[in-house]
Every structure is written in structure tokens, then in C-alpha cells.
Amino acid sequence: MPIYEYRCEDCTRVTSVFVRSASAEVRATCEHCGSSKLTKLISKVARLRTNSDVLEEYGDGGGPEGIRDPRQIGRWVEKRFEEYGMEVPAETREQIARAREGDLPDAVKDV
């Protein structure tokens, strides 16, 4: 079930169209202005990397200066809390979980 993307020639915004079958005919209209003058785009492809993928590619970081992937920060933080015999606060756990899923804070995205 593909999702196709189109750029509107009138308002220049992008519209995504969900299609039930790759062989189905698509009659898309701009979801922003209603125009039918659309140009099909080549969509970006993303690959979700697991914690194992990050470890394999970047290692465990060893400390803040050795971190090459933002998701490693969570692992480093968890180790520090464990070393000090402290429980990781719930809010921190939530932030780490979101980062592992690719939802990074804006400050980290810009780096």
C-alpha cells in the first residue's frame, strides 16, 4: 500500500496520497488548495535503525565526547545513573525512549 507524494503547481505545497494498490489509478488533488495540477515527487526513503544497529555502527560512545549518534546519549545516561545507584527519572526515560525512536530534541537535530 504505497503513499505517493505530489507537489502542487498552483500553491507549491506537497500532498501525500495513500493508495490501496501500486497498480491502482491515482486521481490526486491538492489537499491544501484543491488543484489537480500536481507533479509526482520521488519520496524519501527512511530506514529505522535499532539500538543494535547504532551500537554496531558507532560503538557505545564511551562518554559525551565519544558520542557520534544522539541515541547513544541515552545509553550513556542510563549507565551513569546505574553507576551511582540511582533510578532514572520517568521524564528522562521518556526522552531516551523518544530519541531511540528518532524523535530527537530540536537542539540535537540542529547539531
PDB file of N, CA and C in Angstrom:
ATOM      1  N   MET A   1       0.839  -1.174   0.000  1.00  0.00           N
ATOM      2  CA  MET A   1       0.000   0.000   0.000  1.00  0.00           C
ATOM      3  C   MET A   1       0.886   1.240   0.000  1.00  0.00           C
ATOM      4  N   PRO A   2       1.167   1.764  -1.167  1.00  0.00           N
ATOM      5  CA  PRO A   2       2.079   2.905  -1.271  1.00  0.00           C
ATOM      6  C   PRO A   2       1.442   4.241  -0.888  1.00  0.00           C
ATOM      7  N   ILE A   3       2.301   5.160  -0.532  1.00  0.00           N
ATOM      8  CA  ILE A   3       1.906   6.551  -0.309  1.00  0.00           C
ATOM      9  C   ILE A   3       2.709   7.366  -1.314  1.00  0.00           C
ATOM     10  N   TYR A   4       1.990   8.053  -2.206  1.00  0.00           N
ATOM     11  CA  TYR A   4       2.647   8.866  -3.219  1.00  0.00           C
ATOM     12  C   TYR A   4       2.623  10.330  -2.782  1.00  0.00           C
ATOM     13  N   GLU A   5       3.642  11.071  -3.179  1.00  0.00           N
ATOM     14  CA  GLU A   5       3.702  12.495  -2.864  1.00  0.00           C
ATOM     15  C   GLU A   5       3.694  13.305  -4.155  1.00  0.00           C
ATOM     16  N   TYR A   6       2.971  14.418  -4.105  1.00  0.00           N
ATOM     17  CA  TYR A   6       2.843  15.302  -5.259  1.00  0.00           C
ATOM     18  C   TYR A   6       3.083  16.738  -4.818  1.00  0.00           C
ATOM     19  N   ARG A   7       3.695  17.541  -5.707  1.00  0.00           N
ATOM     20  CA  ARG A   7       3.841  18.978  -5.457  1.00  0.00           C
ATOM     21  C   ARG A   7       2.808  19.690  -6.322  1.00  0.00           C
ATOM     22  N   CYS A   8       2.061  20.570  -5.696  1.00  0.00           N
ATOM     23  CA  CYS A   8       1.037  21.341  -6.394  1.00  0.00           C
ATOM     24  C   CYS A   8       1.697  22.456  -7.209  1.00  0.00           C
ATOM     25  N   GLU A   9       1.314  22.576  -8.470  1.00  0.00           N
ATOM     26  CA  GLU A   9       1.873  23.628  -9.324  1.00  0.00           C
ATOM     27  C   GLU A   9       1.271  24.989  -9.011  1.00  0.00           C
ATOM     28  N   ASP A  10       0.123  25.012  -8.345  1.00  0.00           N
ATOM     29  CA  ASP A  10      -0.519  26.280  -8.002  1.00  0.00           C
ATOM     30  C   ASP A  10      -0.009  26.858  -6.677  1.00  0.00           C
ATOM     31  N   CYS A  11      -0.030  26.044  -5.615  1.00  0.00           N
ATOM     32  CA  CYS A  11       0.366  26.571  -4.296  1.00  0.00           C
ATOM     33  C   CYS A  11       1.747  26.071  -3.845  1.00  0.00           C
ATOM     34  N   THR A  12       2.366  25.175  -4.603  1.00  0.00           N
ATOM     35  CA  THR A  12       3.712  24.606  -4.380  1.00  0.00           C
ATOM     36  C   THR A  12       3.829  23.739  -3.126  1.00  0.00           C
ATOM     37  N   ARG A  13       2.727  23.422  -2.483  1.00  0.00           N
ATOM     38  CA  ARG A  13       2.789  22.586  -1.281  1.00  0.00           C
ATOM     39  C   ARG A  13       2.734  21.109  -1.675  1.00  0.00           C
ATOM     40  N   VAL A  14       3.180  20.263  -0.764  1.00  0.00           N
ATOM     41  CA  VAL A  14       3.228  18.829  -1.023  1.00  0.00           C
ATOM     42  C   VAL A  14       1.992  18.148  -0.440  1.00  0.00           C
ATOM     43  N   THR A  15       1.437  17.221  -1.212  1.00  0.00           N
ATOM     44  CA  THR A  15       0.285  16.431  -0.803  1.00  0.00           C
ATOM     45  C   THR A  15       0.668  14.959  -0.842  1.00  0.00           C
ATOM     46  N   SER A  16       0.315  14.215   0.201  1.00  0.00           N
ATOM     47  CA  SER A  16       0.561  12.779   0.243  1.00  0.00           C
ATOM     48  C   SER A  16      -0.748  12.059  -0.050  1.00  0.00           C
ATOM     49  N   VAL A  17      -0.682  11.028  -0.897  1.00  0.00           N
ATOM     50  CA  VAL A  17      -1.876  10.284  -1.281  1.00  0.00           C
ATOM     51  C   VAL A  17      -1.647   8.809  -0.981  1.00  0.00           C
ATOM     52  N   PHE A  18      -2.495   8.247  -0.139  1.00  0.00           N
ATOM     53  CA  PHE A  18      -2.442   6.823   0.198  1.00  0.00           C
ATOM     54  C   PHE A  18      -3.200   6.054  -0.877  1.00  0.00           C
ATOM     55  N   VAL A  19      -2.566   5.008  -1.414  1.00  0.00           N
ATOM     56  CA  VAL A  19      -3.176   4.217  -2.478  1.00  0.00           C
ATOM     57  C   VAL A  19      -3.232   2.763  -2.014  1.00  0.00           C
ATOM     58  N   ARG A  20      -4.353   2.103  -2.226  1.00  0.00           N
ATOM     59  CA  ARG A  20      -4.528   0.724  -1.762  1.00  0.00           C
ATOM     60  C   ARG A  20      -3.691  -0.285  -2.540  1.00  0.00           C
ATOM     61  N   SER A  21      -3.326   0.038  -3.763  1.00  0.00           N
ATOM     62  CA  SER A  21      -2.553  -0.888  -4.583  1.00  0.00           C
ATOM     63  C   SER A  21      -1.632  -0.097  -5.496  1.00  0.00           C
ATOM     64  N   ALA A  22      -0.430  -0.616  -5.732  1.00  0.00           N
ATOM     65  CA  ALA A  22       0.526   0.066  -6.602  1.00  0.00           C
ATOM     66  C   ALA A  22       0.013   0.132  -8.033  1.00  0.00           C
ATOM     67  N   SER A  23      -0.902  -0.760  -8.417  1.00  0.00           N
ATOM     68  CA  SER A  23      -1.431  -0.772  -9.780  1.00  0.00           C
ATOM     69  C   SER A  23      -2.692   0.085  -9.935  1.00  0.00           C
ATOM     70  N   ALA A  24      -3.207   0.627  -8.836  1.00  0.00           N
ATOM     71  CA  ALA A  24      -4.430   1.441  -8.889  1.00  0.00           C
ATOM     72  C   ALA A  24      -4.149   2.790  -9.544  1.00  0.00           C
ATOM     73  N   GLU A  25      -5.143   3.291 -10.281  1.00  0.00           N
ATOM     74  CA  GLU A  25      -5.022   4.609 -10.894  1.00  0.00           C
ATOM     75  C   GLU A  25      -5.180   5.674  -9.807  1.00  0.00           C
ATOM     76  N   VAL A  26      -4.338   6.692  -9.840  1.00  0.00           N
ATOM     77  CA  VAL A  26      -4.371   7.745  -8.823  1.00  0.00           C
ATOM     78  C   VAL A  26      -4.912   9.025  -9.450  1.00  0.00           C
ATOM     79  N   ARG A  27      -5.955   9.562  -8.855  1.00  0.00           N
ATOM     80  CA  ARG A  27      -6.509  10.856  -9.278  1.00  0.00           C
ATOM     81  C   ARG A  27      -6.393  11.790  -8.082  1.00  0.00           C
ATOM     82  N   ALA A  28      -5.227  12.370  -7.954  1.00  0.00           N
ATOM     83  CA  ALA A  28      -4.935  13.184  -6.770  1.00  0.00           C
ATOM     84  C   ALA A  28      -5.303  14.646  -6.997  1.00  0.00           C
ATOM     85  N   THR A  29      -5.701  15.292  -5.896  1.00  0.00           N
ATOM     86  CA  THR A  29      -5.895  16.735  -5.884  1.00  0.00           C
ATOM     87  C   THR A  29      -5.144  17.287  -4.677  1.00  0.00           C
ATOM     88  N   CYS A  30      -4.742  18.520  -4.761  1.00  0.00           N
ATOM     89  CA  CYS A  30      -4.003  19.154  -3.676  1.00  0.00           C
ATOM     90  C   CYS A  30      -4.900  19.257  -2.447  1.00  0.00           C
ATOM     91  N   GLU A  31      -4.402  18.744  -1.317  1.00  0.00           N
ATOM     92  CA  GLU A  31      -5.194  18.804  -0.087  1.00  0.00           C
ATOM     93  C   GLU A  31      -5.226  20.208   0.502  1.00  0.00           C
ATOM     94  N   HIS A  32      -4.398  21.114  -0.035  1.00  0.00           N
ATOM     95  CA  HIS A  32      -4.322  22.476   0.502  1.00  0.00           C
ATOM     96  C   HIS A  32      -5.183  23.465  -0.286  1.00  0.00           C
ATOM     97  N   CYS A  33      -5.150  23.357  -1.633  1.00  0.00           N
ATOM     98  CA  CYS A  33      -5.903  24.328  -2.435  1.00  0.00           C
ATOM     99  C   CYS A  33      -6.908  23.675  -3.381  1.00  0.00           C
ATOM    100  N   GLY A  34      -6.885  22.343  -3.494  1.00  0.00           N
ATOM    101  CA  GLY A  34      -7.851  21.637  -4.330  1.00  0.00           C
ATOM    102  C   GLY A  34      -7.467  21.510  -5.798  1.00  0.00           C
ATOM    103  N   SER A  35      -6.336  22.045  -6.187  1.00  0.00           N
ATOM    104  CA  SER A  35      -5.889  21.987  -7.582  1.00  0.00           C
ATOM    105  C   SER A  35      -5.587  20.549  -7.995  1.00  0.00           C
ATOM    106  N   SER A  36      -5.792  20.274  -9.281  1.00  0.00           N
ATOM    107  CA  SER A  36      -5.435  18.946  -9.804  1.00  0.00           C
ATOM    108  C   SER A  36      -4.142  19.011 -10.616  1.00  0.00           C
ATOM    109  N   LYS A  37      -3.501  20.176 -10.630  1.00  0.00           N
ATOM    110  CA  LYS A  37      -2.219  20.325 -11.351  1.00  0.00           C
ATOM    111  C   LYS A  37      -1.078  19.937 -10.409  1.00  0.00           C
ATOM    112  N   LEU A  38      -0.766  18.648 -10.386  1.00  0.00           N
ATOM    113  CA  LEU A  38       0.230  18.109  -9.471  1.00  0.00           C
ATOM    114  C   LEU A  38       1.354  17.430 -10.235  1.00  0.00           C
ATOM    115  N   THR A  39       2.541  17.491  -9.662  1.00  0.00           N
ATOM    116  CA  THR A  39       3.704  16.797 -10.199  1.00  0.00           C
ATOM    117  C   THR A  39       4.126  15.751  -9.184  1.00  0.00           C
ATOM    118  N   LYS A  40       4.277  14.513  -9.651  1.00  0.00           N
ATOM    119  CA  LYS A  40       4.654  13.422  -8.755  1.00  0.00           C
ATOM    120  C   LYS A  40       6.103  13.605  -8.312  1.00  0.00           C
ATOM    121  N   LEU A  41       6.359  13.397  -7.024  1.00  0.00           N
ATOM    122  CA  LEU A  41       7.687  13.530  -6.450  1.00  0.00           C
ATOM    123  C   LEU A  41       8.287  12.166  -6.171  1.00  0.00           C
ATOM    124  N   ILE A  42       9.595  12.119  -6.092  1.00  0.00           N
ATOM    125  CA  ILE A  42      10.271  10.917  -5.635  1.00  0.00           C
ATOM    126  C   ILE A  42      10.375  11.042  -4.125  1.00  0.00           C
ATOM    127  N   SER A  43       9.729  10.141  -3.425  1.00  0.00           N
ATOM    128  CA  SER A  43       9.680  10.211  -1.968  1.00  0.00           C
ATOM    129  C   SER A  43      11.004   9.797  -1.348  1.00  0.00           C
ATOM    130  N   LYS A  44      11.277  10.363  -0.189  1.00  0.00           N
ATOM    131  CA  LYS A  44      12.450   9.966   0.579  1.00  0.00           C
ATOM    132  C   LYS A  44      12.205   8.588   1.181  1.00  0.00           C
ATOM    133  N   VAL A  45      13.260   7.834   1.297  1.00  0.00           N
ATOM    134  CA  VAL A  45      13.167   6.518   1.909  1.00  0.00           C
ATOM    135  C   VAL A  45      13.940   6.575   3.216  1.00  0.00           C
ATOM    136  N   ALA A  46      13.333   6.077   4.276  1.00  0.00           N
ATOM    137  CA  ALA A  46      13.988   6.077   5.582  1.00  0.00           C
ATOM    138  C   ALA A  46      14.178   4.652   6.054  1.00  0.00           C
ATOM    139  N   ARG A  47      15.241   4.440   6.753  1.00  0.00           N
ATOM    140  CA  ARG A  47      15.497   3.129   7.341  1.00  0.00           C
ATOM    141  C   ARG A  47      15.643   3.337   8.838  1.00  0.00           C
ATOM    142  N   LEU A  48      14.773   2.700   9.595  1.00  0.00           N
ATOM    143  CA  LEU A  48      14.835   2.798  11.042  1.00  0.00           C
ATOM    144  C   LEU A  48      15.973   1.927  11.540  1.00  0.00           C
ATOM    145  N   ARG A  49      16.836   2.497  12.358  1.00  0.00           N
ATOM    146  CA  ARG A  49      17.955   1.723  12.904  1.00  0.00           C
ATOM    147  C   ARG A  49      17.661   1.360  14.345  1.00  0.00           C
ATOM    148  N   THR A  50      17.926   0.116  14.664  1.00  0.00           N
ATOM    149  CA  THR A  50      17.700  -0.371  16.018  1.00  0.00           C
ATOM    150  C   THR A  50      18.875   0.023  16.906  1.00  0.00           C
ATOM    151  N   ASN A  51      18.722  -0.198  18.212  1.00  0.00           N
ATOM    152  CA  ASN A  51      19.837   0.044  19.136  1.00  0.00           C
ATOM    153  C   ASN A  51      21.047  -0.781  18.729  1.00  0.00           C
ATOM    154  N   SER A  52      20.830  -2.022  18.292  1.00  0.00           N
ATOM    155  CA  SER A  52      21.946  -2.891  17.873  1.00  0.00           C
ATOM    156  C   SER A  52      22.665  -2.298  16.671  1.00  0.00           C
ATOM    157  N   ASP A  53      21.891  -1.742  15.719  1.00  0.00           N
ATOM    158  CA  ASP A  53      22.498  -1.114  14.540  1.00  0.00           C
ATOM    159  C   ASP A  53      23.393   0.050  14.952  1.00  0.00           C
ATOM    160  N   VAL A  54      22.882   0.889  15.881  1.00  0.00           N
ATOM    161  CA  VAL A  54      23.649   2.053  16.338  1.00  0.00           C
ATOM    162  C   VAL A  54      24.919   1.605  17.051  1.00  0.00           C
ATOM    163  N   LEU A  55      24.797   0.609  17.932  1.00  0.00           N
ATOM    164  CA  LEU A  55      25.973   0.093  18.640  1.00  0.00           C
ATOM    165  C   LEU A  55      27.001  -0.453  17.668  1.00  0.00           C
ATOM    166  N   GLU A  56      26.517  -1.213  16.678  1.00  0.00           N
ATOM    167  CA  GLU A  56      27.429  -1.810  15.702  1.00  0.00           C
ATOM    168  C   GLU A  56      28.139  -0.737  14.878  1.00  0.00           C
ATOM    169  N   GLU A  57      27.405   0.283  14.480  1.00  0.00           N
ATOM    170  CA  GLU A  57      27.983   1.318  13.635  1.00  0.00           C
ATOM    171  C   GLU A  57      28.854   2.316  14.395  1.00  0.00           C
ATOM    172  N   TYR A  58      28.423   2.711  15.601  1.00  0.00           N
ATOM    173  CA  TYR A  58      29.103   3.782  16.318  1.00  0.00           C
ATOM    174  C   TYR A  58      29.773   3.363  17.620  1.00  0.00           C
ATOM    175  N   GLY A  59      29.524   2.151  18.094  1.00  0.00           N
ATOM    176  CA  GLY A  59      30.048   1.757  19.402  1.00  0.00           C
ATOM    177  C   GLY A  59      29.191   2.352  20.497  1.00  0.00           C
ATOM    178  N   ASP A  60      29.634   2.238  21.749  1.00  0.00           N
ATOM    179  CA  ASP A  60      28.816   2.747  22.858  1.00  0.00           C
ATOM    180  C   ASP A  60      29.139   4.184  23.216  1.00  0.00           C
ATOM    181  N   GLY A  61      30.086   4.784  22.557  1.00  0.00           N
ATOM    182  CA  GLY A  61      30.386   6.199  22.781  1.00  0.00           C
ATOM    183  C   GLY A  61      31.422   6.433  23.856  1.00  0.00           C
ATOM    184  N   GLY A  62      31.380   5.678  24.922  1.00  0.00           N
ATOM    185  CA  GLY A  62      32.381   5.798  25.980  1.00  0.00           C
ATOM    186  C   GLY A  62      32.281   7.060  26.809  1.00  0.00           C
ATOM    187  N   GLY A  63      31.539   8.039  26.423  1.00  0.00           N
ATOM    188  CA  GLY A  63      31.399   9.284  27.166  1.00  0.00           C
ATOM    189  C   GLY A  63      30.899  10.361  26.236  1.00  0.00           C
ATOM    190  N   PRO A  64      30.530  11.509  26.760  1.00  0.00           N
ATOM    191  CA  PRO A  64      29.937  12.557  25.931  1.00  0.00           C
ATOM    192  C   PRO A  64      30.783  12.927  24.710  1.00  0.00           C
ATOM    193  N   GLU A  65      32.102  12.964  24.864  1.00  0.00           N
ATOM    194  CA  GLU A  65      32.936  13.368  23.738  1.00  0.00           C
ATOM    195  C   GLU A  65      33.056  12.286  22.674  1.00  0.00           C
ATOM    196  N   GLY A  66      32.727  11.023  22.995  1.00  0.00           N
ATOM    197  CA  GLY A  66      32.838   9.935  22.033  1.00  0.00           C
ATOM    198  C   GLY A  66      31.526   9.592  21.353  1.00  0.00           C
ATOM    199  N   ILE A  67      30.485  10.338  21.625  1.00  0.00           N
ATOM    200  CA  ILE A  67      29.164  10.036  21.083  1.00  0.00           C
ATOM    201  C   ILE A  67      29.046  10.619  19.677  1.00  0.00           C
ATOM    202  N   ARG A  68      28.744   9.724  18.722  1.00  0.00           N
ATOM    203  CA  ARG A  68      28.612  10.155  17.329  1.00  0.00           C
ATOM    204  C   ARG A  68      27.183  10.021  16.821  1.00  0.00           C
ATOM    205  N   ASP A  69      26.299   9.497  17.635  1.00  0.00           N
ATOM    206  CA  ASP A  69      24.891   9.377  17.281  1.00  0.00           C
ATOM    207  C   ASP A  69      24.093   9.786  18.518  1.00  0.00           C
ATOM    208  N   PRO A  70      23.131  10.708  18.378  1.00  0.00           N
ATOM    209  CA  PRO A  70      22.406  11.208  19.545  1.00  0.00           C
ATOM    210  C   PRO A  70      21.735  10.128  20.385  1.00  0.00           C
ATOM    211  N   ARG A  71      21.380   8.995  19.771  1.00  0.00           N
ATOM    212  CA  ARG A  71      20.722   7.937  20.531  1.00  0.00           C
ATOM    213  C   ARG A  71      21.662   7.296  21.541  1.00  0.00           C
ATOM    214  N   GLN A  72      22.976   7.465  21.352  1.00  0.00           N
ATOM    215  CA  GLN A  72      23.940   6.918  22.302  1.00  0.00           C
ATOM    216  C   GLN A  72      23.911   7.673  23.631  1.00  0.00           C
ATOM    217  N   ILE A  73      23.460   8.898  23.609  1.00  0.00           N
ATOM    218  CA  ILE A  73      23.417   9.710  24.828  1.00  0.00           C
ATOM    219  C   ILE A  73      22.579   9.011  25.894  1.00  0.00           C
ATOM    220  N   GLY A  74      21.432   8.443  25.499  1.00  0.00           N
ATOM    221  CA  GLY A  74      20.561   7.749  26.444  1.00  0.00           C
ATOM    222  C   GLY A  74      21.259   6.577  27.110  1.00  0.00           C
ATOM    223  N   ARG A  75      21.996   5.806  26.335  1.00  0.00           N
ATOM    224  CA  ARG A  75      22.717   4.658  26.892  1.00  0.00           C
ATOM    225  C   ARG A  75      23.755   5.141  27.896  1.00  0.00           C
ATOM    226  N   TRP A  76      24.460   6.217  27.568  1.00  0.00           N
ATOM    227  CA  TRP A  76      25.479   6.776  28.454  1.00  0.00           C
ATOM    228  C   TRP A  76      24.833   7.271  29.754  1.00  0.00           C
ATOM    229  N   VAL A  77      23.696   7.967  29.630  1.00  0.00           N
ATOM    230  CA  VAL A  77      22.983   8.486  30.809  1.00  0.00           C
ATOM    231  C   VAL A  77      22.521   7.334  31.693  1.00  0.00           C
ATOM    232  N   GLU A  78      21.954   6.289  31.089  1.00  0.00           N
ATOM    233  CA  GLU A  78      21.497   5.135  31.869  1.00  0.00           C
ATOM    234  C   GLU A  78      22.654   4.490  32.631  1.00  0.00           C
ATOM    235  N   LYS A  79      23.811   4.384  31.998  1.00  0.00           N
ATOM    236  CA  LYS A  79      24.983   3.798  32.667  1.00  0.00           C
ATOM    237  C   LYS A  79      25.416   4.649  33.860  1.00  0.00           C
ATOM    238  N   ARG A  80      25.403   5.966  33.704  1.00  0.00           N
ATOM    239  CA  ARG A  80      25.806   6.845  34.802  1.00  0.00           C
ATOM    240  C   ARG A  80      24.866   6.704  35.984  1.00  0.00           C
ATOM    241  N   PHE A  81      23.571   6.688  35.740  1.00  0.00           N
ATOM    242  CA  PHE A  81      22.604   6.521  36.831  1.00  0.00           C
ATOM    243  C   PHE A  81      22.836   5.186  37.530  1.00  0.00           C
ATOM    244  N   GLU A  82      23.069   4.132  36.733  1.00  0.00           N
ATOM    245  CA  GLU A  82      23.310   2.807  37.304  1.00  0.00           C
ATOM    246  C   GLU A  82      24.571   2.812  38.172  1.00  0.00           C
ATOM    247  N   GLU A  83      25.637   3.451  37.698  1.00  0.00           N
ATOM    248  CA  GLU A  83      26.887   3.533  38.465  1.00  0.00           C
ATOM    249  C   GLU A  83      26.679   4.207  39.817  1.00  0.00           C
ATOM    250  N   TYR A  84      25.831   5.218  39.842  1.00  0.00           N
ATOM    251  CA  TYR A  84      25.580   5.955  41.080  1.00  0.00           C
ATOM    252  C   TYR A  84      24.489   5.318  41.929  1.00  0.00           C
ATOM    253  N   GLY A  85      23.917   4.199  41.439  1.00  0.00           N
ATOM    254  CA  GLY A  85      22.885   3.501  42.194  1.00  0.00           C
ATOM    255  C   GLY A  85      21.585   4.270  42.268  1.00  0.00           C
ATOM    256  N   MET A  86      21.324   5.067  41.248  1.00  0.00           N
ATOM    257  CA  MET A  86      20.114   5.891  41.228  1.00  0.00           C
ATOM    258  C   MET A  86      19.160   5.399  40.150  1.00  0.00           C
ATOM    259  N   GLU A  87      17.875   5.648  40.375  1.00  0.00           N
ATOM    260  CA  GLU A  87      16.839   5.322  39.399  1.00  0.00           C
ATOM    261  C   GLU A  87      16.762   6.456  38.373  1.00  0.00           C
ATOM    262  N   VAL A  88      16.641   6.101  37.095  1.00  0.00           N
ATOM    263  CA  VAL A  88      16.493   7.121  36.051  1.00  0.00           C
ATOM    264  C   VAL A  88      15.096   7.719  36.180  1.00  0.00           C
ATOM    265  N   PRO A  89      14.977   9.054  36.272  1.00  0.00           N
ATOM    266  CA  PRO A  89      13.655   9.684  36.393  1.00  0.00           C
ATOM    267  C   PRO A  89      12.762   9.340  35.200  1.00  0.00           C
ATOM    268  N   ALA A  90      11.461   9.258  35.433  1.00  0.00           N
ATOM    269  CA  ALA A  90      10.496   8.885  34.396  1.00  0.00           C
ATOM    270  C   ALA A  90      10.584   9.804  33.179  1.00  0.00           C
ATOM    271  N   GLU A  91      10.705  11.109  33.411  1.00  0.00           N
ATOM    272  CA  GLU A  91      10.782  12.059  32.295  1.00  0.00           C
ATOM    273  C   GLU A  91      12.025  11.792  31.443  1.00  0.00           C
ATOM    274  N   THR A  92      13.130  11.470  32.093  1.00  0.00           N
ATOM    275  CA  THR A  92      14.369  11.170  31.372  1.00  0.00           C
ATOM    276  C   THR A  92      14.211   9.891  30.569  1.00  0.00           C
ATOM    277  N   ARG A  93      13.571   8.880  31.163  1.00  0.00           N
ATOM    278  CA  ARG A  93      13.318   7.617  30.436  1.00  0.00           C
ATOM    279  C   ARG A  93      12.481   7.868  29.185  1.00  0.00           C
ATOM    280  N   GLU A  94      11.474   8.726  29.304  1.00  0.00           N
ATOM    281  CA  GLU A  94      10.619   9.057  28.160  1.00  0.00           C
ATOM    282  C   GLU A  94      11.425   9.735  27.062  1.00  0.00           C
ATOM    283  N   GLN A  95      12.291  10.686  27.432  1.00  0.00           N
ATOM    284  CA  GLN A  95      13.118  11.378  26.444  1.00  0.00           C
ATOM    285  C   GLN A  95      14.072  10.410  25.752  1.00  0.00           C
ATOM    286  N   ILE A  96      14.657   9.496  26.512  1.00  0.00           N
ATOM    287  CA  ILE A  96      15.567   8.499  25.943  1.00  0.00           C
ATOM    288  C   ILE A  96      14.809   7.597  24.969  1.00  0.00           C
ATOM    289  N   ALA A  97      13.614   7.160  25.367  1.00  0.00           N
ATOM    290  CA  ALA A  97      12.808   6.292  24.501  1.00  0.00           C
ATOM    291  C   ALA A  97      12.447   6.996  23.198  1.00  0.00           C
ATOM    292  N   ARG A  98      12.051   8.274  23.290  1.00  0.00           N
ATOM    293  CA  ARG A  98      11.720   9.037  22.082  1.00  0.00           C
ATOM    294  C   ARG A  98      12.942   9.192  21.183  1.00  0.00           C
ATOM    295  N   ALA A  99      14.105   9.456  21.768  1.00  0.00           N
ATOM    296  CA  ALA A  99      15.335   9.609  20.981  1.00  0.00           C
ATOM    297  C   ALA A  99      15.680   8.315  20.256  1.00  0.00           C
ATOM    298  N   ARG A 100      15.467   7.190  20.919  1.00  0.00           N
ATOM    299  CA  ARG A 100      15.760   5.893  20.293  1.00  0.00           C
ATOM    300  C   ARG A 100      14.843   5.617  19.113  1.00  0.00           C
ATOM    301  N   GLU A 101      13.666   6.231  19.115  1.00  0.00           N
ATOM    302  CA  GLU A 101      12.734   6.077  18.003  1.00  0.00           C
ATOM    303  C   GLU A 101      12.978   7.124  16.924  1.00  0.00           C
ATOM    304  N   GLY A 102      13.966   8.016  17.154  1.00  0.00           N
ATOM    305  CA  GLY A 102      14.285   9.026  16.163  1.00  0.00           C
ATOM    306  C   GLY A 102      13.676  10.380  16.421  1.00  0.00           C
ATOM    307  N   ASP A 103      12.884  10.522  17.492  1.00  0.00           N
ATOM    308  CA  ASP A 103      12.259  11.800  17.836  1.00  0.00           C
ATOM    309  C   ASP A 103      13.230  12.558  18.730  1.00  0.00           C
ATOM    310  N   LEU A 104      14.134  13.294  18.104  1.00  0.00           N
ATOM    311  CA  LEU A 104      15.191  13.992  18.839  1.00  0.00           C
ATOM    312  C   LEU A 104      14.796  15.419  19.176  1.00  0.00           C
ATOM    313  N   PRO A 105      15.280  15.958  20.294  1.00  0.00           N
ATOM    314  CA  PRO A 105      15.010  17.363  20.637  1.00  0.00           C
ATOM    315  C   PRO A 105      15.593  18.282  19.551  1.00  0.00           C
ATOM    316  N   ASP A 106      14.963  19.437  19.340  1.00  0.00           N
ATOM    317  CA  ASP A 106      15.415  20.374  18.310  1.00  0.00           C
ATOM    318  C   ASP A 106      16.885  20.738  18.468  1.00  0.00           C
ATOM    319  N   ALA A 107      17.355  20.905  19.698  1.00  0.00           N
ATOM    320  CA  ALA A 107      18.752  21.280  19.943  1.00  0.00           C
ATOM    321  C   ALA A 107      19.713  20.222  19.400  1.00  0.00           C
ATOM    322  N   VAL A 108      19.310  18.964  19.457  1.00  0.00           N
ATOM    323  CA  VAL A 108      20.160  17.867  18.964  1.00  0.00           C
ATOM    324  C   VAL A 108      20.047  17.741  17.453  1.00  0.00           C
ATOM    325  N   LYS A 109      18.858  17.981  16.896  1.00  0.00           N
ATOM    326  CA  LYS A 109      18.634  17.864  15.453  1.00  0.00           C
ATOM    327  C   LYS A 109      19.519  18.841  14.687  1.00  0.00           C
ATOM    328  N   ASP A 110      19.742  20.023  15.271  1.00  0.00           N
ATOM    329  CA  ASP A 110      20.490  21.073  14.585  1.00  0.00           C
ATOM    330  C   ASP A 110      21.985  20.868  14.604  1.00  0.00           C
ATOM    331  N   VAL A 111      22.476  19.909  15.392  1.00  0.00           N
ATOM    332  CA  VAL A 111      23.915  19.703  15.528  1.00  0.00           C
ATOM    333  C   VAL A 111      24.466  18.994  14.328  1.00  0.00           C
TER     334      VAL A 111
END
